[in-house]
Amino acid sequence: MIQVTRLNGAVYTLNALYIEKVETFPDTTITLTTGSKYVVLEPADVVSQRIINFYQSVQLLSNPHIWGEEDEE
């Protein structure tokens, strides 16, 4: 989950696994795989870094099988 801020200042969390894209229109808009869209105060690069941090925290990006690395024995 990542924490973001709506334009009215309300803070909420989104499940980063469902984020399909992050765009700037000029406001940052997050589109989920469900089709829901959220406009947030954070710039797109901050949202992207939070997504990466979340993936790393659940070890989604550290799985050697994703990168095609061989088992070390």
C-alpha atoms as a PDB file:
ATOM      1  CA  MET A   1       0.000   0.000   0.000  1.00  0.00           C
ATOM      2  CA  ILE A   2       1.146   3.548  -0.693  1.00  0.00           C
ATOM      3  CA  GLN A   3      -0.054   6.725   0.955  1.00  0.00           C
ATOM      4  CA  VAL A   4      -1.188   9.630  -1.242  1.00  0.00           C
ATOM      5  CA  THR A   5      -2.980  12.944  -0.712  1.00  0.00           C
ATOM      6  CA  ARG A   6      -6.132  14.028  -2.514  1.00  0.00           C
ATOM      7  CA  LEU A   7      -6.402  17.594  -3.794  1.00  0.00           C
ATOM      8  CA  ASN A   8      -8.589  18.480  -0.784  1.00  0.00           C
ATOM      9  CA  GLY A   9      -5.789  17.410   1.591  1.00  0.00           C
ATOM     10  CA  ALA A  10      -7.305  14.079   2.648  1.00  0.00           C
ATOM     11  CA  VAL A  11      -4.667  11.371   3.028  1.00  0.00           C
ATOM     12  CA  TYR A  12      -5.511   7.814   1.933  1.00  0.00           C
ATOM     13  CA  THR A  13      -3.812   4.619   0.830  1.00  0.00           C
ATOM     14  CA  LEU A  14      -3.922   2.741  -2.445  1.00  0.00           C
ATOM     15  CA  ASN A  15      -2.941  -0.837  -3.135  1.00  0.00           C
ATOM     16  CA  ALA A  16       0.142  -0.396  -5.326  1.00  0.00           C
ATOM     17  CA  LEU A  17      -0.397  -3.813  -6.917  1.00  0.00           C
ATOM     18  CA  TYR A  18      -3.477  -2.440  -8.696  1.00  0.00           C
ATOM     19  CA  ILE A  19      -1.830   0.667 -10.138  1.00  0.00           C
ATOM     20  CA  GLU A  20      -1.818   0.490 -13.934  1.00  0.00           C
ATOM     21  CA  LYS A  21      -0.368   3.923 -14.727  1.00  0.00           C
ATOM     22  CA  VAL A  22       0.636   7.265 -13.238  1.00  0.00           C
ATOM     23  CA  GLU A  23       0.186  10.326 -15.454  1.00  0.00           C
ATOM     24  CA  THR A  24       0.500  14.094 -15.180  1.00  0.00           C
ATOM     25  CA  PHE A  25      -2.284  16.213 -16.741  1.00  0.00           C
ATOM     26  CA  PRO A  26      -0.812  18.616 -15.049  1.00  0.00           C
ATOM     27  CA  ASP A  27      -2.183  17.100 -11.812  1.00  0.00           C
ATOM     28  CA  THR A  28      -0.898  13.617 -11.040  1.00  0.00           C
ATOM     29  CA  THR A  29      -3.539  11.032 -11.936  1.00  0.00           C
ATOM     30  CA  ILE A  30      -3.284   7.404 -10.825  1.00  0.00           C
ATOM     31  CA  THR A  31      -5.264   4.845 -12.822  1.00  0.00           C
ATOM     32  CA  LEU A  32      -5.968   1.444 -11.287  1.00  0.00           C
ATOM     33  CA  THR A  33      -6.503  -1.809 -13.168  1.00  0.00           C
ATOM     34  CA  THR A  34     -10.172  -1.541 -12.134  1.00  0.00           C
ATOM     35  CA  GLY A  35     -10.498   1.681 -14.162  1.00  0.00           C
ATOM     36  CA  SER A  36     -10.748   3.922 -11.086  1.00  0.00           C
ATOM     37  CA  LYS A  37      -8.814   7.180 -11.323  1.00  0.00           C
ATOM     38  CA  TYR A  38      -7.404   9.225  -8.465  1.00  0.00           C
ATOM     39  CA  VAL A  39      -6.011  12.760  -8.691  1.00  0.00           C
ATOM     40  CA  VAL A  40      -3.339  13.397  -6.062  1.00  0.00           C
ATOM     41  CA  LEU A  41      -1.117  16.232  -4.863  1.00  0.00           C
ATOM     42  CA  GLU A  42       2.154  14.296  -5.052  1.00  0.00           C
ATOM     43  CA  PRO A  43       4.209  14.610  -8.245  1.00  0.00           C
ATOM     44  CA  ALA A  44       4.405  11.532 -10.471  1.00  0.00           C
ATOM     45  CA  ASP A  45       8.049  10.847  -9.605  1.00  0.00           C
ATOM     46  CA  VAL A  46       7.217  10.752  -5.865  1.00  0.00           C
ATOM     47  CA  VAL A  47       4.320   8.344  -6.505  1.00  0.00           C
ATOM     48  CA  SER A  48       6.568   6.159  -8.670  1.00  0.00           C
ATOM     49  CA  GLN A  49       9.235   6.039  -5.954  1.00  0.00           C
ATOM     50  CA  ARG A  50       6.612   5.054  -3.371  1.00  0.00           C
ATOM     51  CA  ILE A  51       5.462   2.242  -5.659  1.00  0.00           C
ATOM     52  CA  ILE A  52       9.039   1.009  -6.053  1.00  0.00           C
ATOM     53  CA  ASN A  53       9.603   1.211  -2.283  1.00  0.00           C
ATOM     54  CA  PHE A  54       6.424  -0.811  -1.698  1.00  0.00           C
ATOM     55  CA  TYR A  55       7.472  -3.465  -4.217  1.00  0.00           C
ATOM     56  CA  GLN A  56      10.868  -3.720  -2.535  1.00  0.00           C
ATOM     57  CA  SER A  57       9.297  -3.942   0.930  1.00  0.00           C
ATOM     58  CA  VAL A  58       7.254  -6.974  -0.125  1.00  0.00           C
ATOM     59  CA  GLN A  59      10.292  -8.306  -2.013  1.00  0.00           C
ATOM     60  CA  LEU A  60       8.484  -8.234  -5.338  1.00  0.00           C
ATOM     61  CA  LEU A  61      11.481  -6.649  -7.072  1.00  0.00           C
ATOM     62  CA  SER A  62      14.085  -8.749  -5.280  1.00  0.00           C
ATOM     63  CA  ASN A  63      12.934 -12.157  -6.518  1.00  0.00           C
ATOM     64  CA  PRO A  64      15.828 -13.598  -8.573  1.00  0.00           C
ATOM     65  CA  HIS A  65      13.391 -15.601 -10.726  1.00  0.00           C
ATOM     66  CA  ILE A  66      11.904 -12.357 -12.070  1.00  0.00           C
ATOM     67  CA  TRP A  67      15.287 -11.245 -13.362  1.00  0.00           C
ATOM     68  CA  GLY A  68      16.238 -14.668 -14.733  1.00  0.00           C
ATOM     69  CA  GLU A  69      19.113 -15.153 -12.301  1.00  0.00           C
ATOM     70  CA  GLU A  70      20.282 -18.692 -11.654  1.00  0.00           C
ATOM     71  CA  ASP A  71      20.189 -20.291  -8.204  1.00  0.00           C
ATOM     72  CA  GLU A  72      23.534 -20.040  -6.464  1.00  0.00           C
ATOM     73  CA  GLU A  73      24.774 -23.361  -5.091  1.00  0.00           C
END
